[in-house]
Amino acid sequence: MRTKCYSVRLESLTSISPKCYKAVAFDGSEDLIPASQYFGQDYDVTKSEAHWITAWILEKKSLQYSTKKECWFNSETGKMLPKITIKRHIPEKVENKEIKIDANLTR
């Protein structure tokens, strides 16, 4: 099953118990995140620590987050799924041109 996650930049993420994390955002907001909704650290972000947290739990919590960076994870294996974007190309309509035949070239 696929799970949508957002990359959330956090000031700190500490483990309270094997089933729960305490997340503190940069604006001071803090909330508890279940361990089952945490998919690991996002190593692409270099300015601060970012973590992959499921989208549906973030909507219910009061943490500050952005929806700019999202990814899909396999909820059974916990691995990131490849990013696939499908773009459909619709070519422009080209009108036929009237071609005048040169009389010198015909027999």
C-alpha atoms as a PDB file:
ATOM      1  CA  MET A   1       0.000   0.000   0.000  1.00  0.00           C
ATOM      2  CA  ARG A   2       1.238   3.501  -0.796  1.00  0.00           C
ATOM      3  CA  THR A   3       1.442   6.256   1.800  1.00  0.00           C
ATOM      4  CA  LYS A   4       1.886   9.945   0.976  1.00  0.00           C
ATOM      5  CA  CYS A   5       4.498  11.712   3.102  1.00  0.00           C
ATOM      6  CA  TYR A   6       5.805  15.257   3.438  1.00  0.00           C
ATOM      7  CA  SER A   7       9.329  16.301   4.273  1.00  0.00           C
ATOM      8  CA  VAL A   8       9.023  18.289   7.500  1.00  0.00           C
ATOM      9  CA  ARG A   9      11.893  20.436   8.812  1.00  0.00           C
ATOM     10  CA  LEU A  10      12.016  20.087  12.580  1.00  0.00           C
ATOM     11  CA  GLU A  11      14.093  21.683  15.307  1.00  0.00           C
ATOM     12  CA  SER A  12      14.114  18.398  17.203  1.00  0.00           C
ATOM     13  CA  LEU A  13      12.587  14.947  17.047  1.00  0.00           C
ATOM     14  CA  THR A  14      13.038  12.850  20.175  1.00  0.00           C
ATOM     15  CA  SER A  15      11.849   9.341  20.882  1.00  0.00           C
ATOM     16  CA  ILE A  16       9.592   9.252  23.934  1.00  0.00           C
ATOM     17  CA  SER A  17       8.782   5.553  23.721  1.00  0.00           C
ATOM     18  CA  PRO A  18       9.133   2.799  21.092  1.00  0.00           C
ATOM     19  CA  LYS A  19       5.746   3.855  19.720  1.00  0.00           C
ATOM     20  CA  CYS A  20       5.918   7.670  19.877  1.00  0.00           C
ATOM     21  CA  TYR A  21       8.089  10.673  18.925  1.00  0.00           C
ATOM     22  CA  LYS A  22       7.936  14.244  20.199  1.00  0.00           C
ATOM     23  CA  ALA A  23       8.375  16.697  17.312  1.00  0.00           C
ATOM     24  CA  VAL A  24       9.243  20.381  17.827  1.00  0.00           C
ATOM     25  CA  ALA A  25       9.031  22.743  14.831  1.00  0.00           C
ATOM     26  CA  PHE A  26      10.978  25.988  14.399  1.00  0.00           C
ATOM     27  CA  ASP A  27       7.966  28.158  15.253  1.00  0.00           C
ATOM     28  CA  GLY A  28       7.726  26.504  18.685  1.00  0.00           C
ATOM     29  CA  SER A  29       4.786  24.230  17.900  1.00  0.00           C
ATOM     30  CA  GLU A  30       5.158  20.711  19.217  1.00  0.00           C
ATOM     31  CA  ASP A  31       3.154  17.550  18.948  1.00  0.00           C
ATOM     32  CA  LEU A  32       3.362  13.794  19.348  1.00  0.00           C
ATOM     33  CA  ILE A  33       3.877  11.653  16.229  1.00  0.00           C
ATOM     34  CA  PRO A  34       3.156   7.904  16.281  1.00  0.00           C
ATOM     35  CA  ALA A  35       6.175   5.802  15.291  1.00  0.00           C
ATOM     36  CA  SER A  36       4.077   4.068  12.634  1.00  0.00           C
ATOM     37  CA  GLN A  37       3.619   7.423  10.833  1.00  0.00           C
ATOM     38  CA  TYR A  38       7.340   8.264  10.735  1.00  0.00           C
ATOM     39  CA  PHE A  39       9.312   7.031   7.703  1.00  0.00           C
ATOM     40  CA  GLY A  40      12.822   8.256   8.509  1.00  0.00           C
ATOM     41  CA  GLN A  41      15.061  11.232   7.915  1.00  0.00           C
ATOM     42  CA  ASP A  42      15.199  13.171   4.650  1.00  0.00           C
ATOM     43  CA  TYR A  43      18.912  13.357   3.831  1.00  0.00           C
ATOM     44  CA  ASP A  44      18.438  15.645   0.793  1.00  0.00           C
ATOM     45  CA  VAL A  45      17.883  18.659   3.065  1.00  0.00           C
ATOM     46  CA  THR A  46      21.178  20.151   4.276  1.00  0.00           C
ATOM     47  CA  LYS A  47      20.173  23.338   6.157  1.00  0.00           C
ATOM     48  CA  SER A  48      18.463  21.514   9.012  1.00  0.00           C
ATOM     49  CA  GLU A  49      17.059  18.123   9.889  1.00  0.00           C
ATOM     50  CA  ALA A  50      14.022  17.055   7.889  1.00  0.00           C
ATOM     51  CA  HIS A  51      11.917  13.967   8.425  1.00  0.00           C
ATOM     52  CA  TRP A  52       9.356  12.056   6.339  1.00  0.00           C
ATOM     53  CA  ILE A  53       5.988  12.067   8.121  1.00  0.00           C
ATOM     54  CA  THR A  54       2.661  10.897   6.677  1.00  0.00           C
ATOM     55  CA  ALA A  55       0.421  13.580   5.207  1.00  0.00           C
ATOM     56  CA  TRP A  56      -2.788  12.517   6.917  1.00  0.00           C
ATOM     57  CA  ILE A  57      -1.308  12.694  10.441  1.00  0.00           C
ATOM     58  CA  LEU A  58       0.172  16.144   9.771  1.00  0.00           C
ATOM     59  CA  GLU A  59      -3.276  17.454   8.853  1.00  0.00           C
ATOM     60  CA  LYS A  60      -4.534  16.411  12.280  1.00  0.00           C
ATOM     61  CA  LYS A  61      -1.562  17.779  14.219  1.00  0.00           C
ATOM     62  CA  SER A  62      -0.580  21.380  14.972  1.00  0.00           C
ATOM     63  CA  LEU A  63       2.962  21.182  13.557  1.00  0.00           C
ATOM     64  CA  GLN A  64       4.238  23.688  11.033  1.00  0.00           C
ATOM     65  CA  TYR A  65       4.956  21.957   7.694  1.00  0.00           C
ATOM     66  CA  SER A  66       5.079  22.609   3.973  1.00  0.00           C
ATOM     67  CA  THR A  67       3.514  20.574   1.178  1.00  0.00           C
ATOM     68  CA  LYS A  68       6.231  21.471  -1.346  1.00  0.00           C
ATOM     69  CA  LYS A  69       8.273  18.295  -0.979  1.00  0.00           C
ATOM     70  CA  GLU A  70       6.216  15.133  -1.020  1.00  0.00           C
ATOM     71  CA  CYS A  71       6.987  11.506  -1.715  1.00  0.00           C
ATOM     72  CA  TRP A  72       5.227   8.158  -1.674  1.00  0.00           C
ATOM     73  CA  PHE A  73       6.390   5.313   0.564  1.00  0.00           C
ATOM     74  CA  ASN A  74       5.529   1.636   0.614  1.00  0.00           C
ATOM     75  CA  SER A  75       3.875   1.277   4.024  1.00  0.00           C
ATOM     76  CA  GLU A  76       4.761  -2.430   4.320  1.00  0.00           C
ATOM     77  CA  THR A  77       8.491  -2.162   3.562  1.00  0.00           C
ATOM     78  CA  GLY A  78       9.035   1.482   4.549  1.00  0.00           C
ATOM     79  CA  LYS A  79      10.975   2.193   1.352  1.00  0.00           C
ATOM     80  CA  MET A  80      10.577   5.242  -0.848  1.00  0.00           C
ATOM     81  CA  LEU A  81       8.844   4.614  -4.149  1.00  0.00           C
ATOM     82  CA  PRO A  82      10.304   6.081  -7.345  1.00  0.00           C
ATOM     83  CA  LYS A  83       9.058   9.520  -8.359  1.00  0.00           C
ATOM     84  CA  ILE A  84       7.162   9.209 -11.622  1.00  0.00           C
ATOM     85  CA  THR A  85       5.570  12.158 -13.364  1.00  0.00           C
ATOM     86  CA  ILE A  86       3.366  11.601 -16.368  1.00  0.00           C
ATOM     87  CA  LYS A  87       3.131  14.440 -18.824  1.00  0.00           C
ATOM     88  CA  ARG A  88       0.950  14.296 -21.886  1.00  0.00           C
ATOM     89  CA  HIS A  89       2.193  16.104 -24.967  1.00  0.00           C
ATOM     90  CA  ILE A  90      -0.525  17.536 -27.183  1.00  0.00           C
ATOM     91  CA  PRO A  91       0.995  18.793 -30.440  1.00  0.00           C
ATOM     92  CA  GLU A  92      -0.105  22.050 -31.992  1.00  0.00           C
ATOM     93  CA  LYS A  93      -2.488  21.888 -34.923  1.00  0.00           C
ATOM     94  CA  VAL A  94      -0.760  22.711 -38.184  1.00  0.00           C
ATOM     95  CA  GLU A  95      -2.815  23.940 -41.080  1.00  0.00           C
ATOM     96  CA  ASN A  96      -2.068  22.663 -44.570  1.00  0.00           C
ATOM     97  CA  LYS A  97      -0.506  25.183 -46.888  1.00  0.00           C
ATOM     98  CA  GLU A  98      -1.646  25.701 -50.457  1.00  0.00           C
ATOM     99  CA  ILE A  99       1.243  24.895 -52.734  1.00  0.00           C
ATOM    100  CA  LYS A 100       1.388  26.560 -56.116  1.00  0.00           C
ATOM    101  CA  ILE A 101       2.935  24.330 -58.725  1.00  0.00           C
ATOM    102  CA  ASP A 102       5.624  25.988 -60.803  1.00  0.00           C
ATOM    103  CA  ALA A 103       4.575  25.768 -64.484  1.00  0.00           C
ATOM    104  CA  ASN A 104       8.217  25.540 -65.627  1.00  0.00           C
ATOM    105  CA  LEU A 105       8.739  22.281 -63.756  1.00  0.00           C
ATOM    106  CA  THR A 106       5.715  20.418 -65.141  1.00  0.00           C
ATOM    107  CA  ARG A 107       5.572  18.676 -68.537  1.00  0.00           C
END
